[in-house]
N, C-alpha and C. Protein backbone atom coordinates (compact mmCIF):
# COMPACT_ATOMS: atom_id res chain seq x y z
N MET A 1 0.85 -1.18 0.00
CA MET A 1 0.00 0.00 0.00
C MET A 1 0.89 1.25 0.00
N PRO A 2 0.71 2.16 -0.97
CA PRO A 2 1.57 3.34 -1.08
C PRO A 2 1.56 4.23 0.17
N ASP A 3 0.39 4.40 0.79
CA ASP A 3 0.32 5.25 1.98
C ASP A 3 1.25 4.75 3.08
N ALA A 4 1.24 3.46 3.31
CA ALA A 4 2.08 2.88 4.35
C ALA A 4 3.56 3.05 4.01
N LEU A 5 3.90 2.88 2.73
CA LEU A 5 5.28 3.05 2.29
C LEU A 5 5.75 4.49 2.53
N VAL A 6 4.92 5.44 2.15
CA VAL A 6 5.28 6.85 2.33
C VAL A 6 5.38 7.19 3.81
N LEU A 7 4.41 6.76 4.60
CA LEU A 7 4.45 7.05 6.04
C LEU A 7 5.68 6.43 6.69
N GLY A 8 6.04 5.24 6.27
CA GLY A 8 7.19 4.56 6.85
C GLY A 8 8.51 5.23 6.50
N ARG A 9 8.56 5.93 5.37
CA ARG A 9 9.80 6.56 4.91
C ARG A 9 9.66 8.09 4.83
N ARG A 10 8.73 8.62 5.57
CA ARG A 10 8.38 10.04 5.48
C ARG A 10 9.60 10.96 5.65
N GLN A 11 10.36 10.76 6.70
CA GLN A 11 11.50 11.63 6.98
C GLN A 11 12.52 11.57 5.84
N GLU A 12 12.79 10.38 5.37
CA GLU A 12 13.75 10.20 4.27
C GLU A 12 13.26 10.90 2.99
N LEU A 13 11.97 10.77 2.70
CA LEU A 13 11.41 11.37 1.49
C LEU A 13 11.41 12.90 1.58
N ILE A 14 11.05 13.43 2.74
CA ILE A 14 11.07 14.89 2.91
C ILE A 14 12.49 15.42 2.76
N HIS A 15 13.45 14.72 3.33
CA HIS A 15 14.85 15.14 3.20
C HIS A 15 15.28 15.13 1.73
N ALA A 16 14.88 14.13 0.99
CA ALA A 16 15.23 14.05 -0.44
C ALA A 16 14.61 15.21 -1.22
N VAL A 17 13.34 15.49 -0.96
CA VAL A 17 12.67 16.60 -1.66
C VAL A 17 13.35 17.92 -1.34
N MET A 18 13.65 18.14 -0.08
CA MET A 18 14.28 19.40 0.31
C MET A 18 15.69 19.53 -0.27
N THR A 19 16.39 18.42 -0.42
CA THR A 19 17.71 18.43 -1.05
C THR A 19 17.60 18.83 -2.51
N ILE A 20 16.61 18.28 -3.20
CA ILE A 20 16.39 18.62 -4.61
C ILE A 20 16.05 20.10 -4.74
N GLN A 21 15.16 20.59 -3.88
CA GLN A 21 14.79 22.01 -3.94
C GLN A 21 15.99 22.91 -3.66
N ALA A 22 16.80 22.55 -2.68
CA ALA A 22 17.99 23.35 -2.35
C ALA A 22 18.97 23.37 -3.52
N ALA A 23 19.17 22.22 -4.16
CA ALA A 23 20.07 22.16 -5.32
C ALA A 23 19.53 23.01 -6.47
N PHE A 24 18.24 22.96 -6.68
CA PHE A 24 17.60 23.76 -7.74
C PHE A 24 17.81 25.25 -7.47
N LEU A 25 17.59 25.68 -6.24
CA LEU A 25 17.80 27.09 -5.89
C LEU A 25 19.27 27.48 -6.01
N HIS A 26 20.15 26.61 -5.54
CA HIS A 26 21.59 26.88 -5.60
C HIS A 26 22.06 27.01 -7.06
N ALA A 27 21.44 26.26 -7.95
CA ALA A 27 21.80 26.31 -9.38
C ALA A 27 21.19 27.53 -10.07
N GLY A 28 20.41 28.32 -9.34
CA GLY A 28 19.81 29.52 -9.92
C GLY A 28 18.46 29.30 -10.57
N CYS A 29 17.76 28.25 -10.17
CA CYS A 29 16.42 27.94 -10.71
C CYS A 29 16.44 27.82 -12.24
N PRO A 30 17.33 26.99 -12.79
CA PRO A 30 17.44 26.90 -14.24
C PRO A 30 16.15 26.45 -14.91
N GLY A 31 15.79 27.16 -15.96
CA GLY A 31 14.61 26.81 -16.75
C GLY A 31 13.30 27.27 -16.18
N LEU A 32 13.29 27.82 -14.98
CA LEU A 32 12.03 28.20 -14.35
C LEU A 32 11.30 29.26 -15.16
N ASP A 33 12.03 30.24 -15.66
CA ASP A 33 11.40 31.31 -16.43
C ASP A 33 10.93 30.84 -17.80
N ASP A 34 11.43 29.70 -18.26
CA ASP A 34 11.03 29.17 -19.57
C ASP A 34 9.72 28.40 -19.51
N LEU A 35 9.28 28.02 -18.31
CA LEU A 35 8.04 27.27 -18.17
C LEU A 35 6.85 28.22 -18.31
N GLU A 36 5.90 27.84 -19.14
CA GLU A 36 4.70 28.64 -19.32
C GLU A 36 3.92 28.69 -18.01
N ARG A 37 3.40 29.85 -17.67
CA ARG A 37 2.68 30.00 -16.41
C ARG A 37 1.51 29.04 -16.33
N ALA A 38 1.33 28.49 -15.16
CA ALA A 38 0.22 27.57 -14.91
C ALA A 38 -0.65 28.16 -13.81
N SER A 39 -1.58 28.98 -14.20
CA SER A 39 -2.54 29.59 -13.28
C SER A 39 -1.82 30.43 -12.23
N ASP A 40 -2.32 30.40 -11.02
CA ASP A 40 -1.81 31.26 -9.96
C ASP A 40 -1.10 30.46 -8.87
N PHE A 41 -0.45 29.39 -9.27
CA PHE A 41 0.21 28.52 -8.30
C PHE A 41 1.69 28.89 -8.21
N ASP A 42 1.98 30.13 -7.79
CA ASP A 42 3.36 30.62 -7.81
C ASP A 42 4.30 29.81 -6.93
N ASP A 43 3.88 29.48 -5.72
CA ASP A 43 4.75 28.70 -4.83
C ASP A 43 4.99 27.31 -5.40
N TRP A 44 3.94 26.68 -5.89
CA TRP A 44 4.08 25.35 -6.49
C TRP A 44 5.00 25.42 -7.71
N HIS A 45 4.87 26.49 -8.48
CA HIS A 45 5.70 26.68 -9.68
C HIS A 45 7.18 26.69 -9.30
N LYS A 46 7.51 27.41 -8.23
CA LYS A 46 8.91 27.54 -7.82
C LYS A 46 9.44 26.33 -7.06
N TRP A 47 8.64 25.80 -6.14
CA TRP A 47 9.14 24.77 -5.23
C TRP A 47 8.91 23.34 -5.69
N CYS A 48 7.97 23.13 -6.61
CA CYS A 48 7.69 21.76 -7.06
C CYS A 48 7.91 21.59 -8.56
N ARG A 49 7.19 22.38 -9.34
CA ARG A 49 7.23 22.23 -10.79
C ARG A 49 8.64 22.47 -11.34
N GLY A 50 9.27 23.57 -10.93
CA GLY A 50 10.61 23.89 -11.43
C GLY A 50 11.63 22.81 -11.12
N PRO A 51 11.74 22.38 -9.85
CA PRO A 51 12.70 21.33 -9.54
C PRO A 51 12.43 20.01 -10.26
N ILE A 52 11.17 19.64 -10.41
CA ILE A 52 10.85 18.39 -11.12
C ILE A 52 11.27 18.50 -12.58
N ASN A 53 10.96 19.63 -13.20
CA ASN A 53 11.33 19.82 -14.60
C ASN A 53 12.85 19.82 -14.77
N TRP A 54 13.55 20.47 -13.84
CA TRP A 54 15.01 20.55 -13.89
C TRP A 54 15.64 19.16 -13.70
N LEU A 55 15.12 18.41 -12.75
CA LEU A 55 15.69 17.11 -12.42
C LEU A 55 15.36 16.03 -13.45
N MET A 56 14.11 16.01 -13.92
CA MET A 56 13.64 14.91 -14.75
C MET A 56 13.38 15.29 -16.21
N GLY A 57 13.33 16.59 -16.50
CA GLY A 57 13.02 17.00 -17.86
C GLY A 57 11.56 16.84 -18.21
N LEU A 58 10.71 16.70 -17.20
CA LEU A 58 9.27 16.55 -17.40
C LEU A 58 8.55 17.71 -16.72
N ASP A 59 7.54 18.23 -17.38
CA ASP A 59 6.75 19.32 -16.80
C ASP A 59 5.47 18.74 -16.23
N PRO A 60 5.33 18.73 -14.90
CA PRO A 60 4.12 18.16 -14.30
C PRO A 60 2.86 18.99 -14.56
N ALA A 61 3.01 20.17 -15.15
CA ALA A 61 1.84 21.03 -15.40
C ALA A 61 1.39 21.02 -16.85
N THR A 62 1.90 20.11 -17.66
CA THR A 62 1.55 20.09 -19.08
C THR A 62 0.05 20.04 -19.28
N ARG A 63 -0.63 19.15 -18.61
CA ARG A 63 -2.09 19.04 -18.76
C ARG A 63 -2.81 20.29 -18.24
N LEU A 64 -2.33 20.83 -17.15
CA LEU A 64 -2.95 22.03 -16.58
C LEU A 64 -2.85 23.20 -17.55
N VAL A 65 -1.68 23.40 -18.15
CA VAL A 65 -1.49 24.50 -19.10
C VAL A 65 -2.40 24.31 -20.31
N LYS A 66 -2.49 23.08 -20.81
CA LYS A 66 -3.38 22.81 -21.95
C LYS A 66 -4.83 23.08 -21.59
N ALA A 67 -5.24 22.67 -20.40
CA ALA A 67 -6.63 22.89 -19.97
C ALA A 67 -6.93 24.38 -19.86
N GLN A 68 -5.99 25.14 -19.36
CA GLN A 68 -6.20 26.58 -19.23
C GLN A 68 -6.34 27.25 -20.58
N LYS A 69 -5.59 26.78 -21.56
CA LYS A 69 -5.70 27.35 -22.90
C LYS A 69 -7.06 27.07 -23.52
N LYS A 70 -7.66 25.96 -23.13
CA LYS A 70 -8.97 25.58 -23.66
C LYS A 70 -10.11 26.23 -22.88
N ASP A 71 -9.81 26.91 -21.77
CA ASP A 71 -10.85 27.49 -20.92
C ASP A 71 -10.92 29.00 -21.12
N PRO A 72 -11.75 29.46 -22.05
CA PRO A 72 -11.83 30.89 -22.31
C PRO A 72 -12.47 31.66 -21.15
N ARG A 73 -13.13 30.98 -20.23
CA ARG A 73 -13.81 31.64 -19.12
C ARG A 73 -12.86 32.04 -17.99
N ALA A 74 -11.66 31.49 -17.96
CA ALA A 74 -10.78 31.72 -16.82
C ALA A 74 -10.54 33.20 -16.56
N GLY A 75 -10.26 33.98 -17.59
CA GLY A 75 -10.02 35.41 -17.41
C GLY A 75 -11.26 36.15 -16.97
N GLU A 76 -12.41 35.72 -17.47
CA GLU A 76 -13.66 36.38 -17.10
C GLU A 76 -14.01 36.09 -15.64
N VAL A 77 -13.81 34.86 -15.22
CA VAL A 77 -14.05 34.50 -13.82
C VAL A 77 -13.12 35.32 -12.93
N ALA A 78 -11.86 35.42 -13.32
CA ALA A 78 -10.90 36.21 -12.54
C ALA A 78 -11.35 37.66 -12.43
N GLY A 79 -11.89 38.22 -13.51
CA GLY A 79 -12.36 39.60 -13.49
C GLY A 79 -13.46 39.82 -12.48
N VAL A 80 -14.40 38.89 -12.43
CA VAL A 80 -15.51 39.00 -11.47
C VAL A 80 -14.99 38.85 -10.04
N LEU A 81 -14.17 37.82 -9.81
CA LEU A 81 -13.68 37.58 -8.45
C LEU A 81 -12.86 38.76 -7.93
N GLU A 82 -12.01 39.31 -8.78
CA GLU A 82 -11.19 40.45 -8.36
C GLU A 82 -12.06 41.66 -8.05
N ALA A 83 -13.04 41.94 -8.91
CA ALA A 83 -13.92 43.09 -8.69
C ALA A 83 -14.72 42.94 -7.40
N VAL A 84 -15.24 41.75 -7.14
CA VAL A 84 -16.01 41.52 -5.91
C VAL A 84 -15.09 41.65 -4.70
N PHE A 85 -13.89 41.08 -4.78
CA PHE A 85 -12.98 41.14 -3.64
C PHE A 85 -12.59 42.58 -3.33
N MET A 86 -12.40 43.39 -4.35
CA MET A 86 -12.04 44.80 -4.13
C MET A 86 -13.15 45.55 -3.38
N LEU A 87 -14.39 45.17 -3.62
CA LEU A 87 -15.51 45.84 -2.94
C LEU A 87 -15.86 45.21 -1.59
N LYS A 88 -15.86 43.90 -1.53
CA LYS A 88 -16.36 43.21 -0.34
C LYS A 88 -15.26 42.59 0.53
N GLY A 89 -14.05 42.47 -0.01
CA GLY A 89 -13.02 41.77 0.75
C GLY A 89 -13.49 40.34 1.02
N PRO A 90 -13.16 39.78 2.17
CA PRO A 90 -13.57 38.42 2.47
C PRO A 90 -14.97 38.32 3.10
N MET A 91 -15.73 39.43 3.08
CA MET A 91 -17.09 39.41 3.66
C MET A 91 -18.01 38.55 2.80
N THR A 92 -19.07 38.04 3.40
CA THR A 92 -20.02 37.19 2.67
C THR A 92 -21.08 38.05 1.98
N TRP A 93 -21.69 37.46 0.95
CA TRP A 93 -22.71 38.14 0.16
C TRP A 93 -23.55 37.09 -0.55
N LYS A 94 -24.66 37.51 -1.13
CA LYS A 94 -25.56 36.61 -1.87
C LYS A 94 -25.54 36.98 -3.35
N ALA A 95 -26.05 36.08 -4.17
CA ALA A 95 -26.10 36.32 -5.61
C ALA A 95 -26.85 37.61 -5.92
N SER A 96 -27.92 37.86 -5.20
CA SER A 96 -28.70 39.08 -5.44
C SER A 96 -27.89 40.34 -5.16
N ASP A 97 -26.92 40.25 -4.24
CA ASP A 97 -26.07 41.41 -3.93
C ASP A 97 -25.20 41.80 -5.12
N LEU A 98 -24.79 40.81 -5.92
CA LEU A 98 -23.95 41.13 -7.08
C LEU A 98 -24.68 42.04 -8.05
N LEU A 99 -25.97 41.86 -8.16
CA LEU A 99 -26.75 42.67 -9.09
C LEU A 99 -26.86 44.12 -8.63
N LYS A 100 -26.57 44.36 -7.35
CA LYS A 100 -26.66 45.71 -6.79
C LYS A 100 -25.29 46.38 -6.63
N MET A 101 -24.22 45.65 -6.92
CA MET A 101 -22.88 46.20 -6.72
C MET A 101 -22.54 47.20 -7.82
N ASP A 102 -21.46 47.92 -7.60
CA ASP A 102 -21.07 48.99 -8.53
C ASP A 102 -20.89 48.47 -9.95
N GLY A 103 -20.82 49.39 -10.90
CA GLY A 103 -20.77 49.06 -12.32
C GLY A 103 -19.67 48.11 -12.72
N GLY A 104 -18.48 48.20 -12.09
CA GLY A 104 -17.37 47.32 -12.46
C GLY A 104 -17.69 45.86 -12.24
N VAL A 105 -18.29 45.55 -11.10
CA VAL A 105 -18.68 44.17 -10.81
C VAL A 105 -19.77 43.73 -11.77
N TYR A 106 -20.75 44.58 -11.97
CA TYR A 106 -21.88 44.25 -12.83
C TYR A 106 -21.42 44.00 -14.26
N LEU A 107 -20.55 44.87 -14.78
CA LEU A 107 -20.06 44.70 -16.15
C LEU A 107 -19.21 43.44 -16.28
N ALA A 108 -18.35 43.17 -15.29
CA ALA A 108 -17.53 41.96 -15.33
C ALA A 108 -18.42 40.72 -15.29
N LEU A 109 -19.48 40.78 -14.50
CA LEU A 109 -20.41 39.66 -14.39
C LEU A 109 -21.14 39.45 -15.72
N GLU A 110 -21.60 40.52 -16.33
CA GLU A 110 -22.28 40.40 -17.63
C GLU A 110 -21.36 39.76 -18.67
N ASP A 111 -20.10 40.20 -18.71
CA ASP A 111 -19.14 39.62 -19.66
C ASP A 111 -18.92 38.14 -19.37
N ALA A 112 -18.72 37.81 -18.11
CA ALA A 112 -18.43 36.43 -17.73
C ALA A 112 -19.60 35.50 -18.02
N MET A 113 -20.81 36.01 -17.86
CA MET A 113 -22.00 35.17 -18.08
C MET A 113 -22.33 35.05 -19.56
N GLY A 114 -21.76 35.89 -20.39
CA GLY A 114 -22.01 35.82 -21.83
C GLY A 114 -23.46 36.08 -22.20
N LEU A 115 -24.06 37.06 -21.57
CA LEU A 115 -25.46 37.37 -21.84
C LEU A 115 -25.64 38.03 -23.20
N SER A 116 -26.78 37.79 -23.80
CA SER A 116 -27.12 38.46 -25.06
C SER A 116 -27.27 39.95 -24.79
N PRO A 117 -26.96 40.78 -25.80
CA PRO A 117 -27.13 42.22 -25.61
C PRO A 117 -28.56 42.56 -25.18
N GLY A 118 -28.68 43.40 -24.18
CA GLY A 118 -29.99 43.81 -23.69
C GLY A 118 -30.62 42.86 -22.69
N LYS A 119 -30.03 41.68 -22.50
CA LYS A 119 -30.58 40.72 -21.53
C LYS A 119 -29.97 40.98 -20.16
N GLU A 120 -30.82 41.14 -19.18
CA GLU A 120 -30.38 41.42 -17.81
C GLU A 120 -30.19 40.11 -17.05
N PRO A 121 -29.13 40.00 -16.24
CA PRO A 121 -28.98 38.80 -15.42
C PRO A 121 -30.00 38.79 -14.29
N SER A 122 -30.45 37.61 -13.93
CA SER A 122 -31.38 37.46 -12.81
C SER A 122 -30.62 36.85 -11.63
N THR A 123 -31.23 36.92 -10.47
CA THR A 123 -30.60 36.29 -9.30
C THR A 123 -30.38 34.81 -9.55
N ARG A 124 -31.33 34.16 -10.20
CA ARG A 124 -31.21 32.73 -10.48
C ARG A 124 -30.06 32.45 -11.45
N SER A 125 -29.96 33.24 -12.54
CA SER A 125 -28.88 32.99 -13.51
C SER A 125 -27.52 33.30 -12.89
N VAL A 126 -27.45 34.32 -12.04
CA VAL A 126 -26.20 34.63 -11.35
C VAL A 126 -25.84 33.48 -10.41
N GLY A 127 -26.82 32.94 -9.69
CA GLY A 127 -26.58 31.81 -8.79
C GLY A 127 -26.05 30.60 -9.53
N ARG A 128 -26.60 30.32 -10.71
CA ARG A 128 -26.10 29.19 -11.51
C ARG A 128 -24.66 29.44 -11.96
N TRP A 129 -24.38 30.68 -12.36
CA TRP A 129 -23.02 31.02 -12.78
C TRP A 129 -22.05 30.85 -11.60
N LEU A 130 -22.45 31.30 -10.42
CA LEU A 130 -21.60 31.18 -9.24
C LEU A 130 -21.32 29.71 -8.92
N GLN A 131 -22.33 28.86 -9.04
CA GLN A 131 -22.12 27.42 -8.80
C GLN A 131 -21.06 26.87 -9.75
N GLY A 132 -21.09 27.32 -11.00
CA GLY A 132 -20.10 26.86 -11.98
C GLY A 132 -18.70 27.38 -11.72
N ALA A 133 -18.60 28.52 -11.04
CA ALA A 133 -17.29 29.12 -10.76
C ALA A 133 -16.77 28.74 -9.37
N LYS A 134 -17.58 28.05 -8.60
CA LYS A 134 -17.23 27.70 -7.22
C LYS A 134 -15.93 26.89 -7.16
N ASP A 135 -15.06 27.26 -6.23
CA ASP A 135 -13.81 26.57 -5.92
C ASP A 135 -12.76 26.65 -7.03
N ARG A 136 -13.00 27.48 -8.05
CA ARG A 136 -12.00 27.66 -9.11
C ARG A 136 -11.00 28.73 -8.67
N ILE A 137 -9.74 28.49 -8.93
CA ILE A 137 -8.72 29.50 -8.69
C ILE A 137 -8.59 30.30 -9.98
N ALA A 138 -8.78 31.61 -9.87
CA ALA A 138 -8.69 32.47 -11.05
C ALA A 138 -8.19 33.84 -10.61
N GLY A 139 -7.11 34.29 -11.22
CA GLY A 139 -6.58 35.61 -10.91
C GLY A 139 -6.12 35.77 -9.48
N GLY A 140 -5.75 34.69 -8.83
CA GLY A 140 -5.29 34.76 -7.45
C GLY A 140 -6.40 34.72 -6.41
N TYR A 141 -7.64 34.47 -6.86
CA TYR A 141 -8.79 34.43 -5.96
C TYR A 141 -9.55 33.12 -6.14
N VAL A 142 -10.35 32.79 -5.13
CA VAL A 142 -11.20 31.60 -5.17
C VAL A 142 -12.58 31.98 -4.66
N LEU A 143 -13.60 31.50 -5.35
CA LEU A 143 -14.98 31.70 -4.90
C LEU A 143 -15.36 30.52 -4.02
N ARG A 144 -15.79 30.81 -2.80
CA ARG A 144 -16.18 29.76 -1.85
C ARG A 144 -17.65 29.91 -1.47
N GLU A 145 -18.33 28.78 -1.38
CA GLU A 145 -19.68 28.76 -0.83
C GLU A 145 -19.52 28.84 0.67
N HIS A 146 -20.08 29.87 1.29
CA HIS A 146 -19.89 30.08 2.73
C HIS A 146 -20.93 29.33 3.55
N SER A 147 -22.21 29.48 3.18
CA SER A 147 -23.26 28.78 3.92
C SER A 147 -24.49 28.62 3.05
N LEU A 148 -25.32 27.69 3.45
CA LEU A 148 -26.58 27.43 2.76
C LEU A 148 -27.66 27.34 3.82
N ALA A 149 -28.62 28.25 3.75
CA ALA A 149 -29.72 28.25 4.72
C ALA A 149 -31.02 28.56 4.00
N GLN A 150 -31.99 27.70 4.15
CA GLN A 150 -33.32 27.87 3.56
C GLN A 150 -33.25 28.14 2.06
N GLY A 151 -32.36 27.40 1.39
CA GLY A 151 -32.25 27.51 -0.06
C GLY A 151 -31.48 28.72 -0.54
N SER A 152 -30.95 29.52 0.37
CA SER A 152 -30.20 30.72 -0.01
C SER A 152 -28.72 30.51 0.30
N VAL A 153 -27.89 30.69 -0.70
CA VAL A 153 -26.45 30.48 -0.54
C VAL A 153 -25.77 31.82 -0.28
N THR A 154 -24.85 31.83 0.68
CA THR A 154 -23.99 33.00 0.84
C THR A 154 -22.60 32.59 0.35
N TRP A 155 -21.93 33.56 -0.25
CA TRP A 155 -20.64 33.33 -0.90
C TRP A 155 -19.59 34.26 -0.31
N LYS A 156 -18.34 33.94 -0.59
CA LYS A 156 -17.26 34.88 -0.32
C LYS A 156 -16.11 34.58 -1.26
N VAL A 157 -15.35 35.62 -1.56
CA VAL A 157 -14.16 35.49 -2.39
C VAL A 157 -12.97 35.62 -1.45
N VAL A 158 -12.03 34.68 -1.57
CA VAL A 158 -10.82 34.72 -0.74
C VAL A 158 -9.60 34.65 -1.65
N ARG A 159 -8.49 35.08 -1.11
CA ARG A 159 -7.24 34.97 -1.87
C ARG A 159 -6.82 33.50 -1.92
N ALA A 160 -6.34 33.09 -3.08
CA ALA A 160 -5.84 31.72 -3.23
C ALA A 160 -4.43 31.67 -2.67
N ASP A 161 -4.21 30.83 -1.71
CA ASP A 161 -2.87 30.72 -1.11
C ASP A 161 -2.26 29.40 -1.43
């Protein structure tokens, strides 16, 4: 069983990983700047992806980068999350609140939802869009479902760490 193997050799494995990371840093992080950005995983990019690519010549983010290129919504989701975070910070809010927020949030939401010209978003359509964007990391932010009470969801945007 892999879990038992890892647990039994945990200290040895951690030491090996840290040795690889230290060697990568000591060598000046070769090739790190040549790797195409993979979302907002900056720490993972430096501490995991770079050393693996340097040591083995394999990029563990190949599939992630391809998926991001195929996802035209990623930038739009990031625009909405950033605009909401700038206004609300980590405070909670409901889908209906988005429809009342300042023009920047509303315009970003309209773009992200891909509404037909002249069509206004409803609380229900915004709620469906939020469900689709839930737990996605975009632009350094993540949309989290905070609570569900009597069929009403409260949300919050947090920084992706």
